[in-house]
């Protein structure tokens, strides 16, 4: 019998994230809503780069991660290739 091991990412950095103390409403707004408040919080966050790296490596398609919106992360991925 073949058993495949699935590794889970280390998400300890999330405990230090300012978004964890703020609430998801800012970071996952309704379509067409402003992400300005989320980006303002991200700009102050000490682990912003780890958050963005996680979002890019896990292809997060929704919400604000590491200070970037879905469209901004998509543009970043396209320029990286």
N, C-alpha and C. Protein backbone atom coordinates (compact mmCIF):
# COMPACT_ATOMS: atom_id res chain seq x y z
N UNK A 1 0.85 -1.19 0.00
CA UNK A 1 0.00 0.00 0.00
C UNK A 1 0.88 1.24 0.00
N UNK A 2 0.62 2.17 -0.90
CA UNK A 2 1.40 3.40 -1.02
C UNK A 2 0.72 4.51 -0.22
N UNK A 3 1.46 5.10 0.70
CA UNK A 3 0.94 6.19 1.49
C UNK A 3 1.75 7.44 1.17
N UNK A 4 1.06 8.49 0.79
CA UNK A 4 1.73 9.74 0.45
C UNK A 4 1.66 10.69 1.64
N UNK A 5 2.80 11.25 1.98
CA UNK A 5 2.87 12.20 3.09
C UNK A 5 2.54 13.60 2.56
N UNK A 6 1.65 14.26 3.22
CA UNK A 6 1.31 15.64 2.87
C UNK A 6 1.87 16.53 3.97
N UNK A 7 2.74 17.45 3.58
CA UNK A 7 3.31 18.35 4.56
C UNK A 7 2.46 19.62 4.63
N UNK A 8 2.28 20.09 5.83
CA UNK A 8 1.53 21.33 6.01
C UNK A 8 2.52 22.47 6.18
N UNK A 9 2.20 23.62 5.64
CA UNK A 9 3.11 24.75 5.77
C UNK A 9 3.17 25.24 7.21
N UNK A 10 4.30 25.81 7.58
CA UNK A 10 4.45 26.39 8.90
C UNK A 10 3.73 27.73 8.92
N UNK A 11 2.68 27.81 9.67
CA UNK A 11 1.86 29.02 9.71
C UNK A 11 2.01 29.79 11.01
N UNK A 12 3.09 29.54 11.75
CA UNK A 12 3.31 30.22 13.03
C UNK A 12 3.39 31.73 12.86
N UNK A 13 3.86 32.18 11.70
CA UNK A 13 3.97 33.62 11.45
C UNK A 13 2.62 34.32 11.55
N UNK A 14 1.54 33.59 11.29
CA UNK A 14 0.21 34.19 11.31
C UNK A 14 -0.19 34.70 12.70
N UNK A 15 0.39 34.11 13.73
CA UNK A 15 0.08 34.55 15.09
C UNK A 15 0.55 35.98 15.34
N UNK A 16 1.60 36.40 14.64
CA UNK A 16 2.14 37.75 14.80
C UNK A 16 1.49 38.76 13.86
N UNK A 17 0.67 38.28 12.95
CA UNK A 17 0.08 39.14 11.92
C UNK A 17 -0.94 40.09 12.52
N UNK A 18 -0.89 41.34 12.08
CA UNK A 18 -1.86 42.31 12.56
C UNK A 18 -3.28 41.96 12.11
N UNK A 19 -3.39 41.31 10.96
CA UNK A 19 -4.73 40.94 10.48
C UNK A 19 -5.40 39.93 11.41
N UNK A 20 -4.61 39.11 12.07
CA UNK A 20 -5.18 38.14 13.00
C UNK A 20 -5.83 38.83 14.20
N UNK A 21 -5.39 40.05 14.47
CA UNK A 21 -5.92 40.81 15.59
C UNK A 21 -7.02 41.77 15.16
N UNK A 22 -7.23 41.89 13.85
CA UNK A 22 -8.15 42.88 13.31
C UNK A 22 -9.47 42.28 12.86
N UNK A 23 -9.41 41.16 12.19
CA UNK A 23 -10.62 40.55 11.67
C UNK A 23 -10.57 40.45 10.16
N UNK A 24 -11.21 39.44 9.63
CA UNK A 24 -11.12 39.13 8.21
C UNK A 24 -11.91 40.08 7.31
N UNK A 25 -12.85 40.82 7.85
CA UNK A 25 -13.68 41.70 7.02
C UNK A 25 -12.86 42.69 6.20
N UNK A 26 -11.81 43.22 6.79
CA UNK A 26 -10.95 44.17 6.07
C UNK A 26 -10.22 43.50 4.92
N UNK A 27 -9.80 42.27 5.12
CA UNK A 27 -8.89 41.60 4.20
C UNK A 27 -9.60 40.76 3.14
N UNK A 28 -10.87 40.50 3.35
CA UNK A 28 -11.69 39.77 2.37
C UNK A 28 -12.99 40.54 2.16
N UNK A 29 -12.88 41.74 1.58
CA UNK A 29 -14.07 42.58 1.40
C UNK A 29 -14.97 42.06 0.28
N UNK A 30 -16.17 42.56 0.27
CA UNK A 30 -17.10 42.24 -0.81
C UNK A 30 -16.53 42.74 -2.13
N UNK A 31 -16.83 42.07 -3.24
CA UNK A 31 -16.33 42.53 -4.54
C UNK A 31 -16.68 44.00 -4.79
N UNK A 32 -15.69 44.74 -5.25
CA UNK A 32 -15.88 46.15 -5.54
C UNK A 32 -15.66 47.07 -4.35
N UNK A 33 -15.49 46.50 -3.15
CA UNK A 33 -15.25 47.31 -1.96
C UNK A 33 -13.78 47.72 -1.89
N UNK A 34 -13.52 48.73 -1.12
CA UNK A 34 -12.17 49.26 -0.97
C UNK A 34 -11.29 48.32 -0.13
N UNK A 35 -10.02 48.23 -0.51
CA UNK A 35 -9.04 47.46 0.27
C UNK A 35 -8.06 48.42 0.95
N UNK A 36 -8.38 49.70 0.93
CA UNK A 36 -7.49 50.72 1.49
C UNK A 36 -7.16 50.45 2.96
N UNK A 37 -8.17 50.13 3.77
CA UNK A 37 -7.94 49.88 5.20
C UNK A 37 -7.05 48.66 5.41
N UNK A 38 -7.28 47.62 4.64
CA UNK A 38 -6.46 46.42 4.75
C UNK A 38 -5.01 46.73 4.41
N UNK A 39 -4.79 47.49 3.35
CA UNK A 39 -3.42 47.83 2.94
C UNK A 39 -2.74 48.71 3.99
N UNK A 40 -3.50 49.56 4.62
CA UNK A 40 -2.95 50.42 5.68
C UNK A 40 -2.48 49.56 6.86
N UNK A 41 -3.26 48.55 7.21
CA UNK A 41 -2.88 47.64 8.31
C UNK A 41 -1.66 46.82 7.89
N UNK A 42 -1.66 46.32 6.68
CA UNK A 42 -0.53 45.53 6.18
C UNK A 42 0.77 46.33 6.20
N UNK A 43 0.69 47.61 5.88
CA UNK A 43 1.89 48.45 5.85
C UNK A 43 2.56 48.53 7.21
N UNK A 44 1.80 48.35 8.27
CA UNK A 44 2.34 48.40 9.63
C UNK A 44 2.75 47.03 10.17
N UNK A 45 2.42 45.98 9.45
CA UNK A 45 2.60 44.61 9.93
C UNK A 45 4.06 44.16 9.84
N UNK A 46 4.60 43.60 10.92
CA UNK A 46 6.01 43.18 10.92
C UNK A 46 6.29 41.93 10.08
N UNK A 47 5.27 41.18 9.72
CA UNK A 47 5.50 39.95 8.96
C UNK A 47 4.87 40.01 7.57
N UNK A 48 4.74 41.20 7.06
CA UNK A 48 4.12 41.42 5.75
C UNK A 48 4.79 40.60 4.65
N UNK A 49 6.10 40.54 4.63
CA UNK A 49 6.80 39.80 3.57
C UNK A 49 6.53 38.30 3.65
N UNK A 50 6.44 37.75 4.85
CA UNK A 50 6.14 36.32 5.01
C UNK A 50 4.72 36.04 4.52
N UNK A 51 3.82 36.94 4.78
CA UNK A 51 2.43 36.81 4.34
C UNK A 51 2.35 36.81 2.82
N UNK A 52 3.04 37.75 2.20
CA UNK A 52 3.02 37.84 0.74
C UNK A 52 3.67 36.61 0.12
N UNK A 53 4.76 36.16 0.69
CA UNK A 53 5.43 34.96 0.18
C UNK A 53 4.50 33.75 0.26
N UNK A 54 3.79 33.62 1.37
CA UNK A 54 2.84 32.52 1.54
C UNK A 54 1.76 32.60 0.47
N UNK A 55 1.18 33.78 0.27
CA UNK A 55 0.10 33.95 -0.70
C UNK A 55 0.55 33.62 -2.11
N UNK A 56 1.76 34.04 -2.46
CA UNK A 56 2.26 33.77 -3.81
C UNK A 56 2.58 32.29 -4.00
N UNK A 57 3.18 31.67 -3.00
CA UNK A 57 3.56 30.26 -3.15
C UNK A 57 2.37 29.32 -3.05
N UNK A 58 1.27 29.78 -2.45
CA UNK A 58 0.07 28.95 -2.32
C UNK A 58 -1.06 29.41 -3.23
N UNK A 59 -0.75 30.30 -4.13
CA UNK A 59 -1.70 30.78 -5.14
C UNK A 59 -3.02 31.24 -4.52
N UNK A 60 -2.91 32.06 -3.47
CA UNK A 60 -4.10 32.63 -2.84
C UNK A 60 -4.75 33.58 -3.84
N UNK A 61 -5.99 33.35 -4.15
CA UNK A 61 -6.67 34.12 -5.19
C UNK A 61 -7.62 35.18 -4.64
N UNK A 62 -7.88 35.16 -3.36
CA UNK A 62 -8.85 36.09 -2.79
C UNK A 62 -8.24 36.83 -1.61
N UNK A 63 -8.68 38.06 -1.43
CA UNK A 63 -8.28 38.84 -0.27
C UNK A 63 -6.98 39.59 -0.45
N UNK A 64 -6.66 40.36 0.58
CA UNK A 64 -5.42 41.12 0.63
C UNK A 64 -4.42 40.30 1.44
N UNK A 65 -3.28 40.03 0.85
CA UNK A 65 -2.20 39.28 1.50
C UNK A 65 -0.91 40.05 1.31
N UNK A 66 -0.19 40.29 2.38
CA UNK A 66 1.09 40.98 2.27
C UNK A 66 0.97 42.37 1.68
N UNK A 67 -0.19 42.97 1.83
CA UNK A 67 -0.40 44.32 1.33
C UNK A 67 -0.81 44.42 -0.12
N UNK A 68 -1.01 43.30 -0.78
CA UNK A 68 -1.40 43.32 -2.19
C UNK A 68 -2.77 42.69 -2.40
N UNK A 69 -3.52 43.28 -3.31
CA UNK A 69 -4.83 42.75 -3.67
C UNK A 69 -4.67 41.57 -4.63
N UNK A 70 -5.78 40.95 -4.96
CA UNK A 70 -5.75 39.82 -5.91
C UNK A 70 -5.13 40.25 -7.24
N UNK A 71 -5.56 41.39 -7.76
CA UNK A 71 -5.06 41.87 -9.04
C UNK A 71 -3.57 42.20 -8.97
N UNK A 72 -3.14 42.77 -7.88
CA UNK A 72 -1.72 43.13 -7.73
C UNK A 72 -0.84 41.88 -7.63
N UNK A 73 -1.33 40.86 -6.93
CA UNK A 73 -0.55 39.61 -6.86
C UNK A 73 -0.49 38.93 -8.22
N UNK A 74 -1.59 38.96 -8.95
CA UNK A 74 -1.61 38.38 -10.29
C UNK A 74 -0.60 39.09 -11.19
N UNK A 75 -0.59 40.40 -11.15
CA UNK A 75 0.37 41.19 -11.94
C UNK A 75 1.80 40.87 -11.54
N UNK A 76 2.04 40.70 -10.25
CA UNK A 76 3.37 40.36 -9.75
C UNK A 76 3.80 38.99 -10.28
N UNK A 77 2.90 38.02 -10.26
CA UNK A 77 3.20 36.69 -10.78
C UNK A 77 3.55 36.75 -12.26
N UNK A 78 2.79 37.55 -13.01
CA UNK A 78 3.01 37.64 -14.45
C UNK A 78 4.35 38.28 -14.76
N UNK A 79 4.75 39.30 -14.02
CA UNK A 79 6.04 39.96 -14.28
C UNK A 79 7.21 39.09 -13.84
N UNK A 80 6.95 38.20 -12.88
CA UNK A 80 8.02 37.32 -12.39
C UNK A 80 8.36 36.22 -13.40
N UNK A 81 7.43 35.92 -14.30
CA UNK A 81 7.67 34.83 -15.27
C UNK A 81 8.19 35.35 -16.53
